[in-house]
PDB file of N, CA and C in Angstrom:
ATOM      1  N   MET A   1     103.487  27.487 -53.916  1.00  0.00           N
ATOM      2  CA  MET A   1     104.685  28.409 -53.356  1.00  0.00           C
ATOM      3  C   MET A   1     104.682  29.667 -53.846  1.00  0.00           C
ATOM      4  N   GLY A   2     104.311  29.937 -55.348  1.00  0.00           N
ATOM      5  CA  GLY A   2     104.497  31.075 -55.891  1.00  0.00           C
ATOM      6  C   GLY A   2     103.362  32.270 -55.274  1.00  0.00           C
ATOM      7  N   ARG A   3     102.213  31.637 -54.997  1.00  0.00           N
ATOM      8  CA  ARG A   3     101.054  32.554 -54.460  1.00  0.00           C
ATOM      9  C   ARG A   3     101.371  32.874 -53.196  1.00  0.00           C
ATOM     10  N   VAL A   4     101.895  32.257 -52.373  1.00  0.00           N
ATOM     11  CA  VAL A   4     102.337  32.609 -50.905  1.00  0.00           C
ATOM     12  C   VAL A   4     103.358  33.690 -50.867  1.00  0.00           C
ATOM     13  N   LEU A   5     104.268  33.594 -51.912  1.00  0.00           N
ATOM     14  CA  LEU A   5     105.391  34.502 -52.029  1.00  0.00           C
ATOM     15  C   LEU A   5     104.570  35.828 -52.463  1.00  0.00           C
ATOM     16  N   MET A   6     103.784  35.720 -53.417  1.00  0.00           N
ATOM     17  CA  MET A   6     103.044  37.096 -53.961  1.00  0.00           C
ATOM     18  C   MET A   6     102.342  37.588 -52.974  1.00  0.00           C
ATOM     19  N   GLN A   7     101.542  36.889 -52.034  1.00  0.00           N
ATOM     20  CA  GLN A   7     100.906  37.566 -51.076  1.00  0.00           C
ATOM     21  C   GLN A   7     101.660  38.143 -49.751  1.00  0.00           C
ATOM     22  N   TYR A   8     102.744  37.540 -49.742  1.00  0.00           N
ATOM     23  CA  TYR A   8     103.635  38.274 -48.799  1.00  0.00           C
ATOM     24  C   TYR A   8     104.273  39.436 -49.185  1.00  0.00           C
ATOM     25  N   LEU A   9     104.601  39.564 -50.709  1.00  0.00           N
ATOM     26  CA  LEU A   9     105.196  40.847 -51.122  1.00  0.00           C
ATOM     27  C   LEU A   9     104.050  41.691 -51.464  1.00  0.00           C
ATOM     28  N   ALA A  10     102.907  41.523 -51.504  1.00  0.00           N
ATOM     29  CA  ALA A  10     101.870  42.449 -51.777  1.00  0.00           C
ATOM     30  C   ALA A  10     101.814  43.661 -50.565  1.00  0.00           C
ATOM     31  N   MET A  11     101.751  44.837 -51.089  1.00  0.00           N
ATOM     32  CA  MET A  11     101.850  45.935 -50.052  1.00  0.00           C
ATOM     33  C   MET A  11     100.278  46.244 -49.810  1.00  0.00           C
ATOM     34  N   LYS A  12     100.066  46.342 -48.559  1.00  0.00           N
ATOM     35  CA  LYS A  12      98.906  46.744 -48.062  1.00  0.00           C
ATOM     36  C   LYS A  12      98.858  48.288 -47.922  1.00  0.00           C
ATOM     37  N   THR A  13      97.961  48.921 -48.474  1.00  0.00           N
ATOM     38  CA  THR A  13      97.943  50.268 -48.220  1.00  0.00           C
ATOM     39  C   THR A  13      96.835  50.813 -47.293  1.00  0.00           C
ATOM     40  N   ASP A  14      97.025  51.727 -46.447  1.00  0.00           N
ATOM     41  CA  ASP A  14      96.196  52.157 -45.343  1.00  0.00           C
ATOM     42  C   ASP A  14      95.565  53.431 -45.963  1.00  0.00           C
ATOM     43  N   PRO A  15      94.087  53.570 -46.164  1.00  0.00           N
ATOM     44  CA  PRO A  15      93.590  54.776 -46.774  1.00  0.00           C
ATOM     45  C   PRO A  15      93.860  55.972 -45.848  1.00  0.00           C
ATOM     46  N   VAL A  16      94.011  55.719 -44.552  1.00  0.00           N
ATOM     47  CA  VAL A  16      94.213  56.894 -43.632  1.00  0.00           C
ATOM     48  C   VAL A  16      95.680  57.533 -43.838  1.00  0.00           C
ATOM     49  N   MET A  17      96.768  56.482 -44.021  1.00  0.00           N
ATOM     50  CA  MET A  17      98.052  56.958 -44.354  1.00  0.00           C
ATOM     51  C   MET A  17      98.086  57.494 -45.519  1.00  0.00           C
ATOM     52  N   ALA A  18      97.582  57.076 -46.642  1.00  0.00           N
ATOM     53  CA  ALA A  18      97.514  57.714 -48.043  1.00  0.00           C
ATOM     54  C   ALA A  18      97.054  58.937 -47.941  1.00  0.00           C
ATOM     55  N   SER A  19      95.804  59.334 -47.197  1.00  0.00           N
ATOM     56  CA  SER A  19      95.290  60.641 -47.106  1.00  0.00           C
ATOM     57  C   SER A  19      96.039  61.619 -46.615  1.00  0.00           C
ATOM     58  N   LEU A  20      96.951  61.086 -45.402  1.00  0.00           N
ATOM     59  CA  LEU A  20      97.935  61.934 -44.809  1.00  0.00           C
ATOM     60  C   LEU A  20      99.099  62.370 -45.668  1.00  0.00           C
ATOM     61  N   ILE A  21      99.463  61.514 -46.404  1.00  0.00           N
ATOM     62  CA  ILE A  21     100.799  61.788 -47.359  1.00  0.00           C
ATOM     63  C   ILE A  21     100.329  62.581 -48.437  1.00  0.00           C
ATOM     64  N   ASP A  22      99.005  62.323 -48.963  1.00  0.00           N
ATOM     65  CA  ASP A  22      98.610  63.246 -50.091  1.00  0.00           C
ATOM     66  C   ASP A  22      98.346  64.647 -49.513  1.00  0.00           C
ATOM     67  N   SER A  23      97.896  64.933 -48.269  1.00  0.00           N
ATOM     68  CA  SER A  23      97.540  66.106 -47.783  1.00  0.00           C
ATOM     69  C   SER A  23      98.939  66.802 -47.564  1.00  0.00           C
ATOM     70  N   ASP A  24     100.050  65.946 -47.139  1.00  0.00           N
ATOM     71  CA  ASP A  24     101.328  66.545 -47.000  1.00  0.00           C
ATOM     72  C   ASP A  24     101.930  67.231 -48.131  1.00  0.00           C
ATOM     73  N   ILE A  25     101.617  66.254 -49.392  1.00  0.00           N
ATOM     74  CA  ILE A  25     102.253  66.787 -50.646  1.00  0.00           C
ATOM     75  C   ILE A  25     101.613  68.106 -51.112  1.00  0.00           C
ATOM     76  N   LYS A  26     100.262  68.153 -50.820  1.00  0.00           N
ATOM     77  CA  LYS A  26      99.673  69.230 -51.243  1.00  0.00           C
ATOM     78  C   LYS A  26     100.106  70.451 -50.455  1.00  0.00           C
ATOM     79  N   GLU A  27     100.329  70.351 -49.212  1.00  0.00           N
ATOM     80  CA  GLU A  27     100.756  71.406 -48.431  1.00  0.00           C
ATOM     81  C   GLU A  27     102.438  71.784 -48.979  1.00  0.00           C
ATOM     82  N   LEU A  28     103.181  70.964 -49.171  1.00  0.00           N
ATOM     83  CA  LEU A  28     104.470  71.151 -49.813  1.00  0.00           C
ATOM     84  C   LEU A  28     104.359  71.989 -51.176  1.00  0.00           C
ATOM     85  N   LYS A  29     103.393  71.590 -51.896  1.00  0.00           N
ATOM     86  CA  LYS A  29     103.253  72.269 -53.159  1.00  0.00           C
ATOM     87  C   LYS A  29     102.797  74.007 -53.069  1.00  0.00           C
ATOM     88  N   ILE A  30     101.795  73.985 -51.998  1.00  0.00           N
ATOM     89  CA  ILE A  30     101.603  75.339 -51.598  1.00  0.00           C
ATOM     90  C   ILE A  30     102.746  75.952 -51.073  1.00  0.00           C
ATOM     91  N   ALA A  31     103.496  75.546 -50.205  1.00  0.00           N
ATOM     92  CA  ALA A  31     104.639  76.230 -49.542  1.00  0.00           C
ATOM     93  C   ALA A  31     105.655  76.562 -50.630  1.00  0.00           C
ATOM     94  N   ALA A  32     105.769  75.556 -51.596  1.00  0.00           N
ATOM     95  CA  ALA A  32     106.812  75.862 -52.808  1.00  0.00           C
ATOM     96  C   ALA A  32     106.360  76.967 -53.860  1.00  0.00           C
ATOM     97  N   THR A  33     104.911  77.092 -53.931  1.00  0.00           N
ATOM     98  CA  THR A  33     104.485  78.179 -54.708  1.00  0.00           C
ATOM     99  C   THR A  33     104.523  79.508 -54.205  1.00  0.00           C
ATOM    100  N   LYS A  34     104.344  79.486 -52.747  1.00  0.00           N
ATOM    101  CA  LYS A  34     104.474  80.842 -51.937  1.00  0.00           C
ATOM    102  C   LYS A  34     105.932  81.138 -52.036  1.00  0.00           C
ATOM    103  N   LEU A  35     106.916  80.380 -51.788  1.00  0.00           N
ATOM    104  CA  LEU A  35     108.167  80.580 -51.858  1.00  0.00           C
ATOM    105  C   LEU A  35     108.674  81.163 -53.176  1.00  0.00           C
ATOM    106  N   PHE A  36     108.178  80.680 -54.277  1.00  0.00           N
ATOM    107  CA  PHE A  36     108.572  81.008 -55.550  1.00  0.00           C
ATOM    108  C   PHE A  36     107.989  82.405 -55.664  1.00  0.00           C
ATOM    109  N   LYS A  37     106.699  82.938 -55.403  1.00  0.00           N
ATOM    110  CA  LYS A  37     106.012  83.921 -55.456  1.00  0.00           C
ATOM    111  C   LYS A  37     106.934  84.924 -54.759  1.00  0.00           C
ATOM    112  N   ASP A  38     107.204  84.780 -53.644  1.00  0.00           N
ATOM    113  CA  ASP A  38     107.882  85.688 -52.633  1.00  0.00           C
ATOM    114  C   ASP A  38     109.244  85.996 -53.141  1.00  0.00           C
ATOM    115  N   ALA A  39     109.853  84.895 -53.714  1.00  0.00           N
ATOM    116  CA  ALA A  39     111.245  85.123 -54.339  1.00  0.00           C
ATOM    117  C   ALA A  39     111.306  85.890 -55.707  1.00  0.00           C
ATOM    118  N   THR A  40     110.165  85.825 -56.383  1.00  0.00           N
ATOM    119  CA  THR A  40     109.990  86.823 -57.630  1.00  0.00           C
ATOM    120  C   THR A  40     109.921  88.099 -57.023  1.00  0.00           C
ATOM    121  N   MET A  41     109.048  88.298 -56.027  1.00  0.00           N
ATOM    122  CA  MET A  41     108.516  89.713 -55.493  1.00  0.00           C
ATOM    123  C   MET A  41     109.814  90.528 -55.144  1.00  0.00           C
ATOM    124  N   LEU A  42     110.871  89.778 -54.533  1.00  0.00           N
ATOM    125  CA  LEU A  42     112.048  90.442 -53.990  1.00  0.00           C
ATOM    126  C   LEU A  42     112.798  90.766 -55.553  1.00  0.00           C
ATOM    127  N   GLY A  43     112.854  90.071 -56.250  1.00  0.00           N
ATOM    128  CA  GLY A  43     113.396  90.644 -57.698  1.00  0.00           C
ATOM    129  C   GLY A  43     114.794  90.670 -57.644  1.00  0.00           C
ATOM    130  N   GLY A  44     115.430  91.216 -58.738  1.00  0.00           N
ATOM    131  CA  GLY A  44     116.892  91.265 -58.487  1.00  0.00           C
ATOM    132  C   GLY A  44     117.526  90.096 -59.286  1.00  0.00           C
ATOM    133  N   ILE A  45     118.637  90.498 -60.110  1.00  0.00           N
ATOM    134  CA  ILE A  45     119.118  89.353 -60.537  1.00  0.00           C
ATOM    135  C   ILE A  45     119.935  88.573 -59.827  1.00  0.00           C
ATOM    136  N   GLY A  46     120.720  89.389 -58.714  1.00  0.00           N
ATOM    137  CA  GLY A  46     121.521  88.650 -57.705  1.00  0.00           C
ATOM    138  C   GLY A  46     120.747  87.729 -56.897  1.00  0.00           C
ATOM    139  N   PHE A  47     119.655  88.243 -56.524  1.00  0.00           N
ATOM    140  CA  PHE A  47     118.743  87.195 -55.593  1.00  0.00           C
ATOM    141  C   PHE A  47     118.211  85.940 -56.511  1.00  0.00           C
ATOM    142  N   GLY A  48     117.818  86.137 -57.601  1.00  0.00           N
ATOM    143  CA  GLY A  48     117.424  85.145 -58.552  1.00  0.00           C
ATOM    144  C   GLY A  48     118.658  84.168 -58.766  1.00  0.00           C
ATOM    145  N   THR A  49     119.657  84.584 -59.171  1.00  0.00           N
ATOM    146  CA  THR A  49     120.857  83.618 -59.201  1.00  0.00           C
ATOM    147  C   THR A  49     121.190  82.906 -58.116  1.00  0.00           C
ATOM    148  N   SER A  50     121.318  83.612 -56.789  1.00  0.00           N
ATOM    149  CA  SER A  50     121.495  82.608 -55.615  1.00  0.00           C
ATOM    150  C   SER A  50     120.574  81.720 -55.313  1.00  0.00           C
ATOM    151  N   PHE A  51     119.207  82.125 -55.507  1.00  0.00           N
ATOM    152  CA  PHE A  51     118.127  81.215 -55.234  1.00  0.00           C
ATOM    153  C   PHE A  51     118.177  80.190 -56.179  1.00  0.00           C
ATOM    154  N   LEU A  52     118.442  80.235 -57.252  1.00  0.00           N
ATOM    155  CA  LEU A  52     118.564  79.029 -58.273  1.00  0.00           C
ATOM    156  C   LEU A  52     119.864  78.194 -57.975  1.00  0.00           C
ATOM    157  N   LYS A  53     120.864  78.756 -57.219  1.00  0.00           N
ATOM    158  CA  LYS A  53     122.121  77.970 -57.043  1.00  0.00           C
ATOM    159  C   LYS A  53     121.629  77.111 -55.751  1.00  0.00           C
ATOM    160  N   TRP A  54     120.929  77.774 -55.001  1.00  0.00           N
ATOM    161  CA  TRP A  54     120.321  77.046 -53.663  1.00  0.00           C
ATOM    162  C   TRP A  54     119.535  75.920 -53.977  1.00  0.00           C
ATOM    163  N   ILE A  55     118.667  76.025 -55.069  1.00  0.00           N
ATOM    164  CA  ILE A  55     117.647  75.043 -55.431  1.00  0.00           C
ATOM    165  C   ILE A  55     118.532  73.829 -56.237  1.00  0.00           C
ATOM    166  N   ALA A  56     119.710  74.284 -56.890  1.00  0.00           N
ATOM    167  CA  ALA A  56     120.534  73.257 -57.634  1.00  0.00           C
ATOM    168  C   ALA A  56     121.265  72.549 -56.476  1.00  0.00           C
ATOM    169  N   SER A  57     121.754  73.164 -55.468  1.00  0.00           N
ATOM    170  CA  SER A  57     122.548  72.541 -54.508  1.00  0.00           C
ATOM    171  C   SER A  57     121.716  71.477 -53.658  1.00  0.00           C
ATOM    172  N   PHE A  58     120.412  72.057 -53.461  1.00  0.00           N
ATOM    173  CA  PHE A  58     119.662  71.214 -52.781  1.00  0.00           C
ATOM    174  C   PHE A  58     119.072  69.787 -53.526  1.00  0.00           C
ATOM    175  N   ALA A  59     119.004  70.133 -54.890  1.00  0.00           N
ATOM    176  CA  ALA A  59     118.743  68.879 -55.889  1.00  0.00           C
ATOM    177  C   ALA A  59     119.669  68.107 -55.940  1.00  0.00           C
ATOM    178  N   ALA A  60     121.011  68.587 -55.857  1.00  0.00           N
ATOM    179  CA  ALA A  60     122.163  67.539 -55.853  1.00  0.00           C
ATOM    180  C   ALA A  60     122.382  66.720 -54.735  1.00  0.00           C
ATOM    181  N   MET A  61     122.035  67.215 -53.677  1.00  0.00           N
ATOM    182  CA  MET A  61     122.100  66.394 -52.349  1.00  0.00           C
ATOM    183  C   MET A  61     121.114  65.044 -52.380  1.00  0.00           C
TER     184      MET A  61
END
């Protein structure tokens, strides 16, 4: 009985789906670094503060 339950709960991973998720995560990292680079280029204390507030509110959601 225990073995049947463990086989039922075992998660089957699809290599295609895993590679798609991996590529999406890589794209998100690239987008985040570009956003941070562009935000630092704009400079200014006011923009940096509002940007950090936006990130904090997004993280709180």
